[in-house]
Protein backbone atom coordinates (compact mmCIF):
# COMPACT_ATOMS: atom_id res chain seq x y z
CA MET A 1 0.00 0.00 0.00
CA ASP A 2 1.49 3.32 -1.01
CA LEU A 3 1.26 6.65 0.79
CA LYS A 4 -1.68 7.88 -1.30
CA ALA A 5 -3.70 4.74 -0.54
CA LEU A 6 -2.99 5.09 3.18
CA ALA A 7 -4.08 8.74 3.09
CA VAL A 8 -7.35 7.83 1.33
CA PHE A 9 -7.92 4.98 3.81
CA ALA A 10 -7.37 7.34 6.76
CA LEU A 11 -9.63 9.99 5.22
CA ILE A 12 -12.42 7.45 4.71
CA GLY A 13 -11.92 6.32 8.32
CA ILE A 14 -12.20 9.88 9.63
CA ILE A 15 -15.33 10.57 7.57
CA ALA A 16 -16.95 7.29 8.59
CA GLY A 17 -16.09 7.82 12.26
CA PHE A 18 -17.44 11.36 12.13
CA LEU A 19 -20.71 10.22 10.53
CA ALA A 20 -21.04 7.41 13.07
CA SER A 21 -20.49 9.90 15.90
CA ILE A 22 -23.34 12.02 14.54
CA VAL A 23 -25.62 8.97 14.67
CA VAL A 24 -24.56 7.47 18.01
CA GLY A 25 -22.45 10.17 19.69
CA GLY A 26 -18.77 10.43 20.51
CA GLY A 27 -16.00 12.77 19.51
CA GLY A 28 -12.41 13.60 18.83
CA ILE A 29 -10.41 13.23 15.63
CA VAL A 30 -8.44 10.22 16.92
CA TRP A 31 -11.67 8.54 17.98
CA TYR A 32 -13.16 9.17 14.52
CA LEU A 33 -10.10 7.66 12.85
CA VAL A 34 -9.93 4.56 15.05
CA VAL A 35 -13.66 3.82 14.91
CA GLY A 36 -13.79 4.53 11.19
CA ILE A 37 -10.89 2.22 10.33
CA ILE A 38 -12.21 -0.60 12.49
CA GLY A 39 -15.66 0.09 11.04
CA SER A 40 -14.25 -0.26 7.53
CA PHE A 41 -13.16 -3.79 8.28
CA VAL A 42 -16.34 -4.71 10.16
CA GLY A 43 -18.63 -3.23 7.51
CA GLY A 44 -16.67 -4.82 4.66
CA ILE A 45 -16.71 -8.25 6.28
CA LEU A 46 -20.40 -8.08 7.18
CA PHE A 47 -21.48 -6.79 3.77
CA SER A 48 -19.46 -9.44 1.92
CA MET A 49 -20.70 -12.25 4.19
CA ALA A 50 -24.30 -11.12 3.75
CA GLY A 51 -23.84 -10.57 0.01
CA ILE A 52 -24.94 -6.94 0.26
CA ASN A 53 -24.17 -4.71 -2.71
CA LEU A 54 -25.16 -1.07 -2.28
CA GLY A 55 -25.48 -0.55 -6.03
CA ILE A 56 -23.64 2.76 -5.87
CA LYS A 57 -21.44 3.43 -8.88
CA SER A 58 -18.90 5.48 -6.93
CA PRO A 59 -16.50 3.16 -5.06
CA LEU A 60 -15.53 5.99 -2.70
CA ALA A 61 -19.14 6.71 -1.69
CA SER A 62 -19.84 3.00 -1.33
CA GLN A 63 -16.80 2.56 0.93
CA ILE A 64 -17.76 5.56 3.08
CA ILE A 65 -21.29 4.21 3.57
CA THR A 66 -20.03 0.68 4.32
CA SER A 67 -17.43 2.05 6.74
CA THR A 68 -19.98 4.28 8.47
CA ILE A 69 -22.36 1.37 9.03
CA GLY A 70 -19.47 -0.72 10.35
CA ALA A 71 -18.37 2.13 12.62
CA ILE A 72 -21.88 2.48 14.03
CA ILE A 73 -21.90 -1.25 14.78
CA VAL A 74 -18.46 -1.00 16.44
CA VAL A 75 -19.53 1.92 18.66
CA LEU A 76 -22.78 0.20 19.68
CA LEU A 77 -20.96 -3.05 20.50
CA ALA A 78 -18.31 -1.16 22.49
CA ARG A 79 -21.03 0.55 24.51
CA LEU A 80 -22.82 -2.74 25.05
CA ILE A 81 -19.64 -4.36 26.37
CA ALA A 82 -18.57 -1.39 28.52
């Protein structure tokens, strides 16, 4: 993975974490990044296992939505455990 790919991945993580924090609460740029990156993996795994295809032509928008849904799940599970 090159530097540009890592920057895009981090940006998607920040956006997804921010959107998840709007839905379920939370804050801080580091928190957004961590939750968003973990949410990317969780959302990607869940969507692929369930065979869900968003049908969005833009891969960036599709990844942001998938990551946001994963981040929301991560935050809710963390709150449930804590």
